[in-house]
Every structure is written in C-alpha cells, then in structure tokens.
N, C-alpha and C. Protein backbone atom coordinates (compact mmCIF):
# COMPACT_ATOMS: atom_id res chain seq x y z
N UNK A 1 111.11 129.94 98.62
CA UNK A 1 110.48 129.65 99.80
C UNK A 1 109.31 130.07 100.32
N UNK A 2 108.29 129.43 100.54
CA UNK A 2 107.14 130.26 100.96
C UNK A 2 107.38 131.25 102.32
N UNK A 3 106.56 132.06 102.56
CA UNK A 3 106.70 132.90 103.91
C UNK A 3 106.30 131.99 105.06
N UNK A 4 107.17 132.65 105.94
CA UNK A 4 107.15 131.67 107.28
C UNK A 4 105.99 131.87 108.22
N UNK A 5 105.29 130.55 108.46
CA UNK A 5 104.16 130.47 109.23
C UNK A 5 104.32 129.93 110.67
N UNK A 6 103.77 130.42 111.72
CA UNK A 6 103.60 129.59 112.93
C UNK A 6 102.24 128.75 113.06
N UNK A 7 102.12 127.65 113.21
CA UNK A 7 101.00 127.06 113.61
C UNK A 7 100.94 126.38 115.01
N UNK A 8 100.56 127.07 115.91
CA UNK A 8 100.58 126.47 117.47
C UNK A 8 99.66 124.94 117.43
N UNK A 9 100.04 124.12 118.04
CA UNK A 9 99.38 122.79 118.29
C UNK A 9 98.48 122.96 119.40
N UNK A 10 97.35 122.93 118.90
CA UNK A 10 96.21 123.05 119.97
C UNK A 10 96.18 121.78 121.09
N UNK A 11 96.91 120.76 120.77
CA UNK A 11 97.06 119.60 121.50
C UNK A 11 97.92 120.13 123.21
N UNK A 12 98.66 121.46 122.89
CA UNK A 12 99.47 121.76 124.05
C UNK A 12 98.47 122.79 125.01
N UNK A 13 97.43 123.00 124.32
CA UNK A 13 96.38 124.03 125.33
C UNK A 13 95.90 123.30 126.26
N UNK A 14 94.76 124.03 126.98
CA UNK A 14 94.08 123.37 128.12
C UNK A 14 92.89 122.49 127.48
N UNK A 15 92.92 121.45 127.47
CA UNK A 15 91.91 120.48 126.75
C UNK A 15 90.48 120.59 127.25
N UNK A 16 90.37 121.43 128.49
CA UNK A 16 89.17 121.96 128.81
C UNK A 16 88.61 123.14 128.46
N UNK A 17 89.40 123.52 127.67
CA UNK A 17 88.91 124.98 127.12
C UNK A 17 89.77 125.25 125.80
N UNK A 18 89.50 124.47 124.60
CA UNK A 18 90.15 124.37 123.34
C UNK A 18 89.81 126.03 123.16
N UNK A 19 88.16 126.75 123.01
CA UNK A 19 88.13 127.59 122.38
C UNK A 19 89.03 128.51 123.14
N UNK A 20 89.46 128.66 124.48
CA UNK A 20 90.36 129.49 124.94
C UNK A 20 91.64 129.55 124.17
N UNK A 21 92.01 128.39 123.91
CA UNK A 21 93.41 127.95 123.07
C UNK A 21 93.45 128.80 121.85
N UNK A 22 92.11 128.61 121.27
CA UNK A 22 91.95 129.39 119.95
C UNK A 22 92.17 130.79 119.96
N UNK A 23 91.58 131.40 121.06
CA UNK A 23 91.83 132.95 121.32
C UNK A 23 93.04 132.94 121.63
N UNK A 24 93.75 132.35 122.47
CA UNK A 24 95.36 132.71 122.70
C UNK A 24 96.09 132.73 121.31
N UNK A 25 95.95 131.86 120.31
CA UNK A 25 96.44 132.09 119.10
C UNK A 25 96.14 133.04 118.43
N UNK A 26 94.86 133.41 118.06
CA UNK A 26 94.52 134.61 117.60
C UNK A 26 95.01 136.01 118.32
N UNK A 27 95.13 135.82 119.67
CA UNK A 27 95.88 137.17 120.21
C UNK A 27 97.27 137.35 120.11
N UNK A 28 98.02 136.17 119.75
CA UNK A 28 99.36 136.32 119.07
C UNK A 28 99.51 136.81 117.98
N UNK A 29 98.53 137.10 117.20
CA UNK A 29 98.35 137.66 115.71
C UNK A 29 98.80 136.45 114.82
N UNK A 30 98.25 135.25 115.04
CA UNK A 30 98.62 134.33 114.17
C UNK A 30 97.35 133.95 113.19
N UNK A 31 97.65 133.14 111.99
CA UNK A 31 96.49 132.85 111.25
C UNK A 31 96.30 131.25 111.21
N UNK A 32 97.07 130.45 111.74
CA UNK A 32 97.02 129.03 111.72
C UNK A 32 96.99 128.42 112.75
N UNK A 33 96.15 126.93 113.02
CA UNK A 33 96.13 126.43 114.50
C UNK A 33 96.49 124.85 113.90
N UNK A 34 97.39 124.17 114.30
CA UNK A 34 97.54 122.83 114.11
C UNK A 34 96.93 122.04 114.93
N UNK A 35 96.16 120.96 114.35
CA UNK A 35 95.06 120.01 115.00
C UNK A 35 95.53 118.77 114.84
N UNK A 36 96.01 118.21 115.75
CA UNK A 36 96.42 116.55 115.99
C UNK A 36 95.33 115.65 116.06
N UNK A 37 95.28 114.89 115.34
CA UNK A 37 94.30 113.61 115.31
C UNK A 37 94.97 112.34 115.53
N UNK A 38 94.74 111.65 116.62
CA UNK A 38 95.52 110.62 116.93
C UNK A 38 94.37 109.59 117.38
N UNK A 39 94.81 108.39 116.87
CA UNK A 39 93.77 107.17 116.87
C UNK A 39 94.18 106.17 117.97
N UNK A 40 95.25 106.36 118.93
CA UNK A 40 95.58 105.42 119.75
C UNK A 40 96.26 103.99 119.18
N UNK A 41 96.32 103.93 117.74
CA UNK A 41 96.92 102.85 116.85
C UNK A 41 98.26 103.03 116.28
N UNK A 42 97.78 104.18 115.48
CA UNK A 42 98.98 104.51 114.65
C UNK A 42 100.14 105.08 115.54
N UNK A 43 99.67 105.98 116.37
CA UNK A 43 100.58 106.47 117.57
C UNK A 43 99.56 106.11 119.04
N UNK A 44 100.58 106.05 120.02
CA UNK A 44 100.42 105.41 121.14
C UNK A 44 99.58 106.58 122.07
N UNK A 45 98.41 107.34 121.22
CA UNK A 45 97.74 108.33 122.22
C UNK A 45 96.57 108.67 121.40
N UNK A 46 95.57 109.06 122.04
CA UNK A 46 94.54 109.56 121.55
C UNK A 46 94.07 110.80 121.95
N UNK A 47 93.71 111.67 120.78
CA UNK A 47 93.07 112.89 120.99
C UNK A 47 91.53 113.32 120.84
N UNK A 48 91.41 113.77 119.63
CA UNK A 48 89.97 114.11 119.30
C UNK A 48 89.54 113.71 118.29
N UNK A 49 88.42 114.15 117.78
CA UNK A 49 88.12 113.71 116.38
C UNK A 49 87.34 114.92 115.65
N UNK A 50 86.62 114.67 114.47
CA UNK A 50 86.01 115.85 113.73
C UNK A 50 84.86 116.51 114.52
N UNK A 51 84.52 115.94 115.47
CA UNK A 51 83.40 116.58 116.45
C UNK A 51 83.95 117.94 116.63
N UNK A 52 85.30 117.71 117.32
CA UNK A 52 86.08 118.92 117.92
C UNK A 52 86.40 120.05 117.15
N UNK A 53 86.70 119.42 115.70
CA UNK A 53 87.13 120.60 114.46
C UNK A 53 85.53 121.22 114.35
N UNK A 54 84.51 120.68 114.11
CA UNK A 54 83.18 121.20 113.91
C UNK A 54 82.85 122.15 114.85
N UNK A 55 83.12 121.86 116.18
CA UNK A 55 82.69 122.71 117.13
C UNK A 55 83.40 123.98 117.23
N UNK A 56 84.70 123.85 116.88
CA UNK A 56 85.55 125.23 116.94
C UNK A 56 85.58 126.05 115.41
N UNK A 57 85.20 125.27 114.33
CA UNK A 57 85.19 125.96 113.12
C UNK A 57 84.17 127.29 113.35
N UNK A 58 82.87 127.26 113.71
CA UNK A 58 82.49 128.58 113.82
C UNK A 58 83.21 129.78 114.51
N UNK A 59 83.75 129.61 115.33
CA UNK A 59 84.35 130.40 116.69
C UNK A 59 85.73 131.11 116.12
N UNK A 60 86.01 130.73 115.09
CA UNK A 60 87.45 131.30 114.44
C UNK A 60 87.69 131.24 112.97
N UNK A 61 88.39 132.31 112.43
CA UNK A 61 88.75 132.01 111.00
C UNK A 61 90.11 131.80 110.76
N UNK A 62 90.83 131.04 112.06
CA UNK A 62 92.26 130.55 111.58
C UNK A 62 92.14 129.41 110.48
N UNK A 63 93.21 129.34 110.13
CA UNK A 63 93.52 128.11 109.29
C UNK A 63 93.54 126.57 109.92
N UNK A 64 93.03 125.67 109.51
CA UNK A 64 92.66 124.47 110.22
C UNK A 64 93.72 123.77 109.72
N UNK A 65 94.87 123.29 110.29
CA UNK A 65 95.78 122.65 109.68
C UNK A 65 95.88 121.24 110.22
N UNK A 66 95.29 120.26 109.61
CA UNK A 66 94.67 119.25 110.55
C UNK A 66 95.61 117.92 109.94
N UNK A 67 96.44 117.48 111.11
CA UNK A 67 97.27 116.32 111.19
C UNK A 67 96.84 115.05 111.44
N UNK A 68 96.49 113.83 110.54
CA UNK A 68 95.88 112.71 110.81
C UNK A 68 96.93 111.66 111.09
N UNK A 69 97.09 111.41 112.51
CA UNK A 69 98.05 110.36 112.66
C UNK A 69 97.12 109.19 113.03
N UNK A 70 96.72 108.38 112.00
CA UNK A 70 95.78 107.50 111.69
C UNK A 70 96.31 106.16 111.08
N UNK A 71 95.90 105.16 111.56
CA UNK A 71 96.11 103.99 110.91
C UNK A 71 95.62 103.87 109.34
N UNK A 72 94.45 104.12 109.39
CA UNK A 72 93.57 104.44 107.86
C UNK A 72 92.93 105.93 107.80
N UNK A 73 94.08 106.87 107.46
CA UNK A 73 93.25 108.20 107.26
C UNK A 73 92.37 108.37 106.47
N UNK A 74 92.19 107.44 104.85
CA UNK A 74 91.37 107.67 104.08
C UNK A 74 90.06 107.50 104.35
N UNK A 75 89.73 106.74 105.27
CA UNK A 75 88.41 106.50 105.83
C UNK A 75 87.92 107.72 106.44
N UNK A 76 88.64 108.92 106.74
CA UNK A 76 87.94 109.82 107.43
C UNK A 76 88.15 111.48 106.77
N UNK A 77 88.61 111.01 105.63
CA UNK A 77 88.68 112.32 104.45
C UNK A 77 87.47 113.14 104.59
N UNK A 78 86.43 112.57 104.37
CA UNK A 78 85.01 113.10 104.13
C UNK A 78 84.63 113.86 105.66
N UNK A 79 84.91 112.94 106.78
CA UNK A 79 84.39 113.66 107.81
C UNK A 79 85.00 114.53 108.23
N UNK A 80 86.19 114.74 108.09
CA UNK A 80 87.18 115.92 108.49
C UNK A 80 87.02 117.13 107.55
N UNK A 81 86.56 117.01 106.31
CA UNK A 81 86.08 117.94 105.02
C UNK A 81 84.97 118.63 105.72
N UNK A 82 84.12 117.67 105.84
CA UNK A 82 82.54 118.24 106.24
C UNK A 82 82.81 118.95 107.91
N UNK A 83 83.81 118.68 108.77
CA UNK A 83 83.93 119.50 109.86
C UNK A 83 84.61 120.70 109.73
N UNK A 84 85.21 120.96 108.63
CA UNK A 84 85.90 122.43 108.49
C UNK A 84 87.00 122.16 108.35
N UNK A 85 87.72 121.19 108.27
CA UNK A 85 89.40 121.50 108.04
C UNK A 85 89.53 122.09 106.67
N UNK A 86 90.79 122.88 106.77
CA UNK A 86 91.00 123.28 105.29
C UNK A 86 92.40 122.56 104.73
N UNK A 87 93.00 121.77 105.59
CA UNK A 87 94.19 120.96 105.07
C UNK A 87 94.25 119.99 105.99
N UNK A 88 94.37 118.64 105.22
CA UNK A 88 94.48 117.31 105.67
C UNK A 88 95.92 116.69 105.29
N UNK A 89 96.88 116.43 106.55
CA UNK A 89 97.95 115.97 106.25
C UNK A 89 97.87 114.41 106.67
N UNK A 90 98.49 113.83 105.60
CA UNK A 90 98.59 112.29 106.04
C UNK A 90 99.86 111.59 105.89
N UNK A 91 100.11 110.53 106.89
CA UNK A 91 101.38 109.60 106.92
C UNK A 91 101.59 108.71 105.86
N UNK A 92 102.71 108.88 105.19
CA UNK A 92 103.31 107.88 104.28
C UNK A 92 103.35 106.49 104.94
N UNK A 93 103.69 106.41 106.19
CA UNK A 93 103.56 105.22 106.53
C UNK A 93 102.34 104.40 107.15
N UNK A 94 101.49 105.36 107.08
CA UNK A 94 99.86 104.65 107.41
C UNK A 94 99.55 103.80 106.46
N UNK A 95 98.34 102.90 107.09
CA UNK A 95 98.04 101.65 105.85
C UNK A 95 96.88 102.09 105.15
N UNK A 96 97.52 103.01 104.04
CA UNK A 96 96.20 103.35 102.56
C UNK A 96 97.18 103.49 101.68
N UNK A 97 96.26 103.54 100.42
CA UNK A 97 96.97 104.20 99.00
C UNK A 97 97.13 105.66 99.25
N UNK A 98 98.25 106.10 99.27
CA UNK A 98 98.57 107.16 99.88
C UNK A 98 98.25 108.22 98.66
N UNK A 99 98.70 107.56 97.32
CA UNK A 99 98.13 108.59 96.22
C UNK A 99 96.68 108.68 95.90
N UNK A 100 95.94 107.88 96.15
CA UNK A 100 94.35 107.76 96.18
C UNK A 100 93.90 108.68 97.60
N UNK A 101 94.62 108.51 98.59
CA UNK A 101 94.08 109.32 99.59
C UNK A 101 94.37 110.70 99.42
N UNK A 102 95.59 111.36 98.81
CA UNK A 102 95.61 112.67 98.78
C UNK A 102 94.88 113.02 97.73
N UNK A 103 94.56 112.41 96.39
CA UNK A 103 93.34 112.60 95.55
C UNK A 103 92.00 112.97 96.05
N UNK A 104 91.84 111.95 97.01
CA UNK A 104 90.34 112.46 97.89
C UNK A 104 90.42 113.61 98.59
N UNK A 105 91.60 113.88 99.24
CA UNK A 105 91.63 115.22 99.77
C UNK A 105 91.58 116.44 98.77
N UNK A 106 92.28 116.31 97.89
CA UNK A 106 92.18 117.32 96.75
C UNK A 106 90.61 117.27 96.31
N UNK A 107 90.12 116.21 95.97
CA UNK A 107 88.61 116.08 95.50
C UNK A 107 87.52 116.77 96.44
N UNK A 108 87.96 116.90 97.79
CA UNK A 108 86.94 117.14 98.64
C UNK A 108 87.11 118.94 98.86
N UNK A 109 88.21 119.32 98.12
CA UNK A 109 88.49 120.93 98.08
C UNK A 109 89.43 121.59 98.99
N UNK A 110 90.08 120.50 99.64
CA UNK A 110 91.13 120.65 100.90
C UNK A 110 92.50 120.59 100.32
N UNK A 111 93.42 121.46 100.82
CA UNK A 111 94.82 121.10 100.54
C UNK A 111 95.39 120.03 101.06
N UNK A 112 96.40 119.21 100.55
CA UNK A 112 96.81 118.14 100.86
C UNK A 112 98.29 118.28 101.57
N UNK A 113 98.39 117.30 102.47
CA UNK A 113 99.91 117.33 103.11
C UNK A 113 100.45 115.70 103.00
N UNK A 114 101.67 115.68 103.16
CA UNK A 114 102.34 114.32 103.34
C UNK A 114 103.27 114.51 104.63
N UNK A 115 103.42 113.53 105.59
CA UNK A 115 103.94 113.41 106.55
C UNK A 115 104.87 112.37 106.71
N UNK A 116 106.01 112.29 107.19
CA UNK A 116 106.84 111.38 107.63
C UNK A 116 107.51 111.40 109.09
N UNK A 117 107.72 110.19 109.63
CA UNK A 117 108.46 109.95 110.93
C UNK A 117 109.52 110.30 111.00
N UNK A 118 110.53 110.58 112.18
CA UNK A 118 111.86 110.79 112.23
C UNK A 118 112.63 109.74 111.40
N UNK A 119 112.47 108.53 111.73
CA UNK A 119 113.29 107.58 111.15
C UNK A 119 112.75 106.80 109.66
N UNK A 120 112.08 107.78 109.03
CA UNK A 120 111.46 107.47 107.65
C UNK A 120 112.56 107.91 106.88
N UNK A 121 113.09 107.31 105.70
CA UNK A 121 113.73 107.80 104.58
C UNK A 121 112.88 108.66 103.59
N UNK A 122 113.39 109.85 103.58
CA UNK A 122 112.30 111.20 102.89
C UNK A 122 112.46 110.94 101.49
N UNK A 123 112.95 109.89 101.02
CA UNK A 123 112.72 109.39 99.54
C UNK A 123 111.56 108.81 99.21
N UNK A 124 110.91 108.36 100.49
CA UNK A 124 109.56 107.61 100.40
C UNK A 124 108.37 108.94 99.69
N UNK A 125 109.01 109.84 100.19
CA UNK A 125 107.85 111.33 99.94
C UNK A 125 108.03 111.34 98.24
N UNK A 126 108.82 111.29 97.63
CA UNK A 126 109.44 111.79 96.49
C UNK A 126 108.29 111.42 95.48
N UNK A 127 107.17 110.21 95.35
CA UNK A 127 106.73 110.13 94.35
C UNK A 127 105.39 111.37 94.72
N UNK A 128 105.21 111.75 95.71
CA UNK A 128 103.72 112.64 96.05
C UNK A 128 104.23 113.87 95.89
N UNK A 129 105.32 114.54 96.02
CA UNK A 129 105.59 115.64 96.23
C UNK A 129 105.13 116.71 95.14
N UNK A 130 104.55 116.33 93.81
CA UNK A 130 104.16 116.94 92.77
C UNK A 130 102.56 117.20 93.33
N UNK A 131 102.18 116.27 94.17
CA UNK A 131 100.56 116.04 94.32
C UNK A 131 99.96 117.04 95.83
N UNK A 132 100.90 117.41 96.33
CA UNK A 132 100.85 117.85 98.04
C UNK A 132 101.17 119.65 97.70
N UNK A 133 100.52 120.07 98.92
CA UNK A 133 100.75 121.48 99.31
C UNK A 133 101.81 121.85 100.26
N UNK A 134 101.84 120.77 101.08
CA UNK A 134 102.74 120.63 102.21
C UNK A 134 103.38 119.21 102.60
N UNK A 135 104.70 119.31 103.10
CA UNK A 135 105.36 118.27 103.48
C UNK A 135 105.80 118.21 104.89
N UNK A 136 105.46 117.39 105.62
CA UNK A 136 105.52 117.61 106.94
C UNK A 136 106.85 116.71 107.46
N UNK A 137 108.15 116.98 108.30
CA UNK A 137 108.89 116.42 108.92
C UNK A 137 108.90 116.18 110.25
N UNK A 138 108.25 115.12 110.82
CA UNK A 138 108.22 115.14 112.08
C UNK A 138 109.59 114.79 113.08
N UNK A 139 109.86 115.80 113.68
CA UNK A 139 111.07 116.07 114.67
C UNK A 139 111.15 115.56 115.93
N UNK A 140 110.06 114.66 116.18
CA UNK A 140 110.04 113.82 117.32
C UNK A 140 109.01 112.62 116.67
N UNK A 141 108.85 111.36 117.26
CA UNK A 141 108.00 110.46 117.35
C UNK A 141 106.64 110.86 117.91
N UNK A 142 105.87 110.88 116.71
CA UNK A 142 104.51 111.25 117.16
C UNK A 142 103.58 110.48 118.24
N UNK A 143 102.92 111.45 118.90
CA UNK A 143 102.22 110.70 120.16
C UNK A 143 101.82 111.53 121.21
N UNK A 144 102.77 112.25 121.69
CA UNK A 144 102.79 113.08 122.71
C UNK A 144 103.86 114.27 122.66
N UNK A 145 103.14 115.33 123.24
CA UNK A 145 103.77 116.76 123.29
C UNK A 145 105.17 116.93 124.42
N UNK A 146 105.93 117.74 124.11
CA UNK A 146 106.82 118.13 125.24
C UNK A 146 108.11 117.24 124.90
N UNK A 147 108.22 116.53 123.63
CA UNK A 147 109.30 115.84 123.43
C UNK A 147 110.67 116.47 123.06
N UNK A 148 111.45 116.12 123.12
CA UNK A 148 113.02 116.64 122.65
C UNK A 148 112.88 116.67 121.04
N UNK A 149 113.33 117.61 120.59
CA UNK A 149 113.75 117.65 119.47
C UNK A 149 114.89 116.74 118.68
N UNK A 150 114.73 116.00 117.55
CA UNK A 150 115.82 115.12 117.22
C UNK A 150 116.48 115.85 115.99
N UNK A 151 117.69 116.43 116.41
CA UNK A 151 118.71 117.15 115.22
C UNK A 151 118.88 116.30 113.70
N UNK A 152 118.75 114.81 114.09
CA UNK A 152 118.97 114.14 112.75
C UNK A 152 118.25 114.16 111.61
N UNK A 153 116.84 114.96 111.96
CA UNK A 153 115.85 115.05 111.09
C UNK A 153 116.23 116.33 110.43
N UNK A 154 117.23 117.14 110.74
CA UNK A 154 117.46 118.10 109.68
C UNK A 154 118.17 117.61 108.15
N UNK A 155 118.67 116.40 108.22
CA UNK A 155 119.26 116.02 107.10
C UNK A 155 117.98 115.57 106.34
N UNK A 156 116.64 115.49 106.74
CA UNK A 156 115.48 115.01 106.25
C UNK A 156 114.83 116.11 105.31
N UNK A 157 115.27 117.54 106.25
CA UNK A 157 114.48 118.80 105.86
C UNK A 157 115.50 119.37 104.71
N UNK A 158 116.47 118.99 104.87
CA UNK A 158 117.85 119.73 103.70
C UNK A 158 117.40 118.79 102.61
N UNK A 159 117.03 117.66 102.43
CA UNK A 159 116.83 116.70 101.39
C UNK A 159 115.38 117.31 100.87
N UNK A 160 114.46 117.45 101.39
CA UNK A 160 113.12 118.10 101.07
C UNK A 160 113.27 119.49 100.51
N UNK A 161 113.91 120.08 100.73
CA UNK A 161 114.33 121.53 100.41
C UNK A 161 115.15 121.55 99.10
N UNK A 162 116.14 120.42 99.23
CA UNK A 162 116.73 120.63 97.64
C UNK A 162 115.73 120.04 97.05
N UNK A 163 114.97 118.95 97.10
CA UNK A 163 114.10 118.47 96.07
C UNK A 163 113.06 119.48 95.72
N UNK A 164 112.66 120.11 96.72
CA UNK A 164 111.59 121.66 96.17
C UNK A 164 112.15 122.17 95.23
N UNK A 165 113.50 122.55 95.71
CA UNK A 165 114.36 123.44 94.52
C UNK A 165 114.34 123.05 93.12
N UNK A 166 114.75 121.67 93.31
CA UNK A 166 115.07 120.78 91.87
C UNK A 166 113.74 120.94 91.11
N UNK A 167 112.54 120.61 91.63
CA UNK A 167 111.41 120.65 90.96
C UNK A 167 110.74 122.03 90.34
N UNK A 168 111.23 123.05 91.05
CA UNK A 168 110.86 124.43 91.25
C UNK A 168 109.20 124.47 91.93
N UNK A 169 108.97 123.41 93.18
CA UNK A 169 107.77 123.40 93.47
C UNK A 169 107.32 124.32 94.70
N UNK A 170 106.53 124.66 95.17
CA UNK A 170 105.83 125.43 95.87
C UNK A 170 105.41 125.13 97.43
N UNK A 171 105.30 123.58 97.55
CA UNK A 171 104.69 122.82 98.63
C UNK A 171 105.72 123.52 99.93
N UNK A 172 104.79 123.70 100.90
CA UNK A 172 105.41 124.15 102.12
C UNK A 172 106.27 122.98 103.10
N UNK A 173 106.97 123.25 103.77
CA UNK A 173 108.05 122.36 104.43
C UNK A 173 107.75 122.64 105.68
N UNK A 174 106.72 121.61 106.51
CA UNK A 174 106.51 121.99 107.85
C UNK A 174 107.36 121.11 108.77
N UNK A 175 107.83 121.46 110.25
CA UNK A 175 108.25 120.79 111.09
C UNK A 175 107.39 120.70 112.23
N UNK A 176 107.43 119.54 112.97
CA UNK A 176 106.82 119.66 114.18
C UNK A 176 107.24 118.57 115.18
N UNK A 177 107.50 119.38 116.38
CA UNK A 177 108.03 118.27 117.59
C UNK A 177 109.25 119.10 118.18
N UNK A 178 108.98 119.43 119.49
CA UNK A 178 110.32 120.11 120.03
C UNK A 178 110.91 121.37 119.60
N UNK A 179 109.79 121.99 118.69
CA UNK A 179 110.23 123.18 118.06
C UNK A 179 109.99 124.67 119.18
N UNK A 180 111.21 124.95 119.46
CA UNK A 180 111.21 126.32 119.95
C UNK A 180 112.07 127.29 119.33
N UNK A 181 112.68 128.44 119.85
CA UNK A 181 113.38 129.33 119.06
C UNK A 181 114.59 128.94 118.67
N UNK A 182 115.70 128.18 119.23
CA UNK A 182 116.84 127.36 118.76
C UNK A 182 116.35 126.47 117.85
N UNK A 183 115.58 125.51 118.27
CA UNK A 183 115.53 124.37 117.32
C UNK A 183 114.57 124.64 115.64
N UNK A 184 113.82 125.99 116.10
CA UNK A 184 113.03 126.31 114.96
C UNK A 184 113.81 127.12 113.90
N UNK A 185 115.11 127.94 114.59
CA UNK A 185 116.27 128.26 113.67
C UNK A 185 116.63 127.46 112.91
N UNK A 186 117.16 126.33 113.55
CA UNK A 186 118.01 125.22 112.96
C UNK A 186 117.01 124.61 111.53
N UNK A 187 116.09 124.50 111.94
CA UNK A 187 114.97 124.01 110.61
C UNK A 187 114.95 125.25 109.76
N UNK A 188 114.73 126.41 110.25
CA UNK A 188 114.76 127.56 109.03
C UNK A 188 115.88 127.54 108.19
N UNK A 189 117.02 127.16 108.87
CA UNK A 189 118.03 127.25 108.05
C UNK A 189 118.37 126.06 107.33
N UNK A 190 117.85 125.03 107.26
CA UNK A 190 117.74 123.74 106.68
C UNK A 190 116.55 123.61 105.51
N UNK A 191 115.80 124.62 105.63
CA UNK A 191 114.76 124.93 104.66
C UNK A 191 113.25 125.21 105.19
N UNK A 192 113.04 124.73 106.20
CA UNK A 192 111.64 124.84 106.62
C UNK A 192 110.73 126.26 106.64
N UNK A 193 109.66 126.21 106.62
CA UNK A 193 109.06 127.35 106.57
C UNK A 193 107.63 127.69 107.69
N UNK A 194 107.36 126.37 107.67
CA UNK A 194 106.22 126.24 108.55
C UNK A 194 106.50 125.58 109.95
N UNK A 195 106.07 126.32 111.10
CA UNK A 195 106.60 125.53 112.41
C UNK A 195 105.25 125.12 113.16
N UNK A 196 105.33 123.88 113.57
CA UNK A 196 104.17 123.65 114.71
C UNK A 196 105.01 123.77 115.90
N UNK A 197 104.42 124.67 116.99
CA UNK A 197 104.96 124.64 118.23
C UNK A 197 104.02 124.46 119.39
N UNK A 198 103.97 123.70 120.38
CA UNK A 198 102.86 123.39 120.98
C UNK A 198 103.23 124.18 122.38
N UNK A 199 103.95 123.36 123.19
CA UNK A 199 104.63 123.51 124.46
C UNK A 199 104.97 124.96 124.47
N UNK A 200 106.35 124.89 123.79
CA UNK A 200 107.04 126.28 123.58
C UNK A 200 105.88 127.54 123.63
N UNK A 201 105.12 127.16 122.65
CA UNK A 201 103.97 128.62 122.23
C UNK A 201 103.38 129.04 123.61
N UNK A 202 102.54 127.83 123.98
CA UNK A 202 101.68 127.87 125.25
C UNK A 202 102.27 128.50 126.36
N UNK A 203 103.44 128.20 126.69
CA UNK A 203 104.07 128.17 127.89
C UNK A 203 104.98 129.88 127.74
N UNK A 204 105.09 130.15 126.46
CA UNK A 204 105.99 131.43 126.44
C UNK A 204 105.35 132.85 127.10
N UNK A 205 106.03 133.45 128.16
CA UNK A 205 105.65 134.59 128.64
C UNK A 205 105.21 135.76 127.66
N UNK A 206 105.56 135.67 126.48
CA UNK A 206 105.25 136.66 125.58
C UNK A 206 105.28 135.83 124.29
N UNK A 207 103.73 135.17 123.81
CA UNK A 207 103.62 134.53 122.72
C UNK A 207 103.85 135.05 121.33
N UNK A 208 103.34 136.18 121.20
CA UNK A 208 103.64 137.29 120.07
C UNK A 208 105.13 137.27 119.92
N UNK A 209 106.01 137.54 120.65
CA UNK A 209 107.07 137.49 120.19
C UNK A 209 108.12 136.02 120.07
N UNK A 210 107.45 135.12 121.01
CA UNK A 210 107.82 133.86 120.42
C UNK A 210 107.71 133.35 118.91
N UNK A 211 106.47 133.69 118.43
CA UNK A 211 106.11 133.45 116.96
C UNK A 211 106.91 134.31 116.44
N UNK A 212 107.23 135.41 116.63
CA UNK A 212 108.26 136.23 115.60
C UNK A 212 109.14 135.95 115.72
N UNK A 213 109.90 135.32 116.68
CA UNK A 213 111.40 134.76 116.63
C UNK A 213 111.45 133.46 115.60
N UNK A 214 110.46 133.00 115.35
CA UNK A 214 110.30 131.81 114.24
C UNK A 214 110.19 132.26 112.98
N UNK A 215 109.92 133.54 113.08
CA UNK A 215 109.65 133.98 111.38
C UNK A 215 110.16 135.08 111.11
N UNK A 216 111.10 135.63 111.99
CA UNK A 216 112.00 136.89 111.66
C UNK A 216 112.92 136.41 110.62
C-alpha cells in the first residue's frame, strides 16, 4: 500500500480567497490539494475551470490532484495540462472513451486517475487499473461538499484493494466525500491510502492534527 496522503479539497475553502486556502493547506504541513472541477451537467453544481488552476499554480508547490466531474472530460485534458495540473482523474460513468482519455492524460505528461460514483459496480474499473496511477471511490454522490459518508462504498474499496494486491499494482486508492477522522479510519482499514477531506479539514481547530489522524 502506498504511504498515506491527505488532499484537502479547495471546494471547502473560502471561494473569495482560494490563495488563502492554499496557504492553509501548506501551513498544515501537507503536500497535496484536491481540485474539484464540476460542469453543472455531469454533477448538479458548477465550480471553476482551468483559469483558476493556472492562477494558483505559480503560488504553490502543492501537488494539484484535479478531479474532472465533467460529461466530456476528454475535451479538457489539454487545457488542464497547460494550466498546471499534475494528475487528472476522470469518471468511468462520463460520456467518453475512457481508455483513450487516460492515454491522452498520460501523453500530456500527467498522472491519470479513474473515478467511480457510490452506486457504480467497481468491476467497471477493472479494464483500466493497469493504466492508472489512482482509483477514486466517491463516498458521496459528487456535486456538493458537506454530505454524509456512505458506508456501503467500503465494499467497493475492499474490492479494489484486493484487486490491487492480486495484480501487484501500485495505484493509489483515494476516497472522497464525508471524510473525517472516523470515516477515514474505516476507509484506511478497507485499504484506502489517499484521503480527500474538505469540510472536516477546513473546520478543524487543529488542521495539522486532523491530517495526522488520517495518516497515522
């Protein structure tokens, strides 16, 4: 299993001060930031686009873990690569040729991830697991922060953990949605190693201690 990583979601930061949100993540001693890109179609919300990524890139050395919740993610690979993303994660449920999109992400010099919604059969990810650096299990339905964790997704995490072991693969297993100290522990026990925390991180009285509670 890869070493544990916490990737706070900038979606939970002050939208009028994303640069301040970046500083908050850095001050907690973390190395990743999770950037949720939503188009109002694949998910029922709109966030921000490559321009925000490009504006933030010169301000930080954080790893940009970019999650494309888009109906046609294949159309935006080049734009986000140019903006400064280092990893692009796309949904298996979106309207695109998944294998072709993953290949385009790799060809752009980025790390590639594949994501699934809570009600998706994890077997749908099997054809792509040899070609990705990360598999993301959404533990809420994507679109809005602050939702309650869905325990049923733990079975999908266990399935992908077993598949990773069977293949001897090195891809990260990320979880996103309702992640706090308690739910993060459940996901860690199921095999997850990368934790996206938004509301719980930014509202924590001691953000560094909160992050350490997920990785200890």
